[in-house]
Structure formats: structure tokens, C-alpha cells
Amino acid sequence: TQGLQKQYEENIDFANGIHKIAALAFIHPDNVINTFTDLSIHLDDTFQTILDYFEDNYIGRFRANGSRTRPLFAIEYWNVYERTKNQQMRTNNSAEAWNRRIS
């Protein structure tokens, strides 16, 4: 991970690729898988480890029969498209602040 952090800090193209992956959280949930597939095609091999991790945990691995495995975290749990559109909170920061105040 140290190498990835250094790349992120020093290589603007690498940082932009990471931002594109992170931006998947802000697009309509119905478009996440196709957009991820497009990113996987257009990002170079430098991103393969990150894309594999993201696919396993947040998208689901593509199977030979055309379906996908169940990801560790389903899209509806991490996608913030609707919350952003409706100007709702996207994090639990306020809950954490409240917990800190009472502890």
C-alpha cells in the first residue's frame, strides 16, 4: 500500500484513475457495474490490483455464465447517489461526534 500511496501523491494520472473508481459511489446504482466494466477496460495495468479488490468487495466477480458473484458489500450499501441527490448525509460523522460527546 505504501507504493500505491506514493503513486497517488506523485502521479496525477494515477490519482485521477483512483478518483474515477471512487466516483462510482456517486452514479446511479443501475449504472455502477457497466461503468466499472468501462473503467476496467480503460485504466491501465497499474490499477489491476485495485480493480480486483474493488470488484471482489463492491461489485462482484464476473462469472463465465454472465452473472456476478455476490460482493462483500452490496451496491445499495455503499452507493450515495440518492442521498447526494436528496441532499442527505452521506456519512455517519454526526453519529460519531454525538458518541464522542457522551463518552
Protein backbone atom coordinates (compact mmCIF):
# COMPACT_ATOMS: atom_id res chain seq x y z
CA THR A 1 0.00 0.00 0.00
CA GLN A 2 2.92 2.35 0.60
CA GLY A 3 3.79 2.18 -3.10
CA LEU A 4 0.21 3.00 -4.06
CA GLN A 5 0.12 5.99 -1.71
CA LYS A 6 3.34 7.33 -3.19
CA GLN A 7 1.97 6.86 -6.71
CA TYR A 8 -1.24 8.63 -5.72
CA GLU A 9 0.69 11.58 -4.28
CA GLU A 10 3.21 11.89 -7.13
CA ASN A 11 1.38 10.77 -10.28
CA ILE A 12 -1.60 12.90 -11.33
CA ASP A 13 -2.80 10.29 -13.86
CA PHE A 14 -2.80 7.61 -11.18
CA ALA A 15 -4.66 9.89 -8.75
CA ASN A 16 -7.24 10.68 -11.44
CA GLY A 17 -7.80 6.96 -12.01
CA ILE A 18 -8.36 6.44 -8.29
CA HIS A 19 -10.84 9.34 -8.28
CA LYS A 20 -12.74 7.70 -11.14
CA ILE A 21 -13.05 4.46 -9.17
CA ALA A 22 -14.17 6.36 -6.06
CA ALA A 23 -16.72 8.29 -8.14
CA LEU A 24 -18.65 5.06 -8.70
CA ALA A 25 -20.29 5.79 -5.34
CA PHE A 26 -21.96 8.87 -6.86
CA ILE A 27 -23.51 7.46 -10.05
CA HIS A 28 -26.92 5.85 -10.32
CA PRO A 29 -26.76 2.31 -8.85
CA ASP A 30 -28.10 0.83 -12.09
CA ASN A 31 -25.04 2.18 -13.92
CA VAL A 32 -22.34 1.14 -11.44
CA ILE A 33 -21.50 -2.27 -12.91
CA ASN A 34 -21.34 -1.10 -16.53
CA THR A 35 -19.29 1.94 -15.56
CA PHE A 36 -16.94 -0.24 -13.52
CA THR A 37 -16.53 -2.51 -16.55
CA ASP A 38 -15.73 0.51 -18.75
CA LEU A 39 -13.17 1.74 -16.22
CA SER A 40 -11.60 -1.72 -16.05
CA ILE A 41 -11.11 -1.62 -19.81
CA HIS A 42 -9.73 1.91 -19.98
CA LEU A 43 -7.49 2.05 -16.91
CA ASP A 44 -4.04 0.56 -17.47
CA ASP A 45 -2.50 -2.43 -15.71
CA THR A 46 -1.24 -0.22 -12.86
CA PHE A 47 -4.78 -0.30 -11.47
CA GLN A 48 -5.36 -4.06 -11.72
CA THR A 49 -4.79 -4.83 -8.03
CA ILE A 50 -7.14 -2.03 -7.00
CA LEU A 51 -9.77 -3.02 -9.57
CA ASP A 52 -9.60 -6.66 -8.43
CA TYR A 53 -10.08 -5.59 -4.81
CA PHE A 54 -12.98 -3.31 -5.73
CA GLU A 55 -14.60 -5.98 -7.87
CA ASP A 56 -14.35 -8.63 -5.14
CA ASN A 57 -15.65 -6.38 -2.39
CA TYR A 58 -18.03 -3.91 -4.04
CA ILE A 59 -19.13 -5.18 -7.47
CA GLY A 60 -18.93 -8.97 -7.54
CA ARG A 61 -16.61 -11.06 -9.68
CA PHE A 62 -17.79 -11.80 -13.23
CA ARG A 63 -18.62 -15.47 -13.84
CA ALA A 64 -18.38 -17.46 -17.07
CA ASN A 65 -22.19 -17.76 -17.19
CA GLY A 66 -22.55 -13.96 -17.36
CA SER A 67 -23.65 -13.45 -13.76
CA ARG A 68 -21.61 -11.98 -10.93
CA THR A 69 -20.70 -13.31 -7.52
CA ARG A 70 -22.20 -11.55 -4.52
CA PRO A 71 -19.84 -8.79 -3.37
CA LEU A 72 -18.91 -8.40 0.27
CA PHE A 73 -20.71 -5.03 0.28
CA ALA A 74 -23.76 -4.72 -1.97
CA ILE A 75 -24.01 -1.61 -4.12
CA GLU A 76 -27.05 -0.33 -2.25
CA TYR A 77 -24.99 -0.17 0.96
CA TRP A 78 -22.14 1.99 -0.32
CA ASN A 79 -23.67 3.95 -3.19
CA VAL A 80 -24.62 7.52 -2.23
CA TYR A 81 -26.32 8.65 -5.45
CA GLU A 82 -29.82 9.03 -3.95
CA ARG A 83 -28.52 10.50 -0.70
CA THR A 84 -26.50 13.06 -2.62
CA LYS A 85 -29.40 13.88 -4.95
CA ASN A 86 -31.71 14.34 -1.95
CA GLN A 87 -29.10 16.37 -0.03
CA GLN A 88 -29.00 13.81 2.77
CA MET A 89 -25.97 12.93 4.88
CA ARG A 90 -23.60 10.51 3.19
CA THR A 91 -21.54 9.62 6.25
CA ASN A 92 -22.09 8.76 9.89
CA ASN A 93 -19.83 11.59 11.09
CA SER A 94 -22.63 13.23 13.07
CA ALA A 95 -23.36 9.98 14.92
CA GLU A 96 -19.68 9.55 15.71
CA ALA A 97 -19.49 13.14 17.01
CA TRP A 98 -22.53 12.53 19.19
CA ASN A 99 -20.97 9.34 20.58
CA ARG A 100 -17.73 11.18 21.37
CA ARG A 101 -19.67 13.84 23.29
CA ILE A 102 -21.42 11.31 25.53
CA SER A 103 -18.36 9.18 26.23
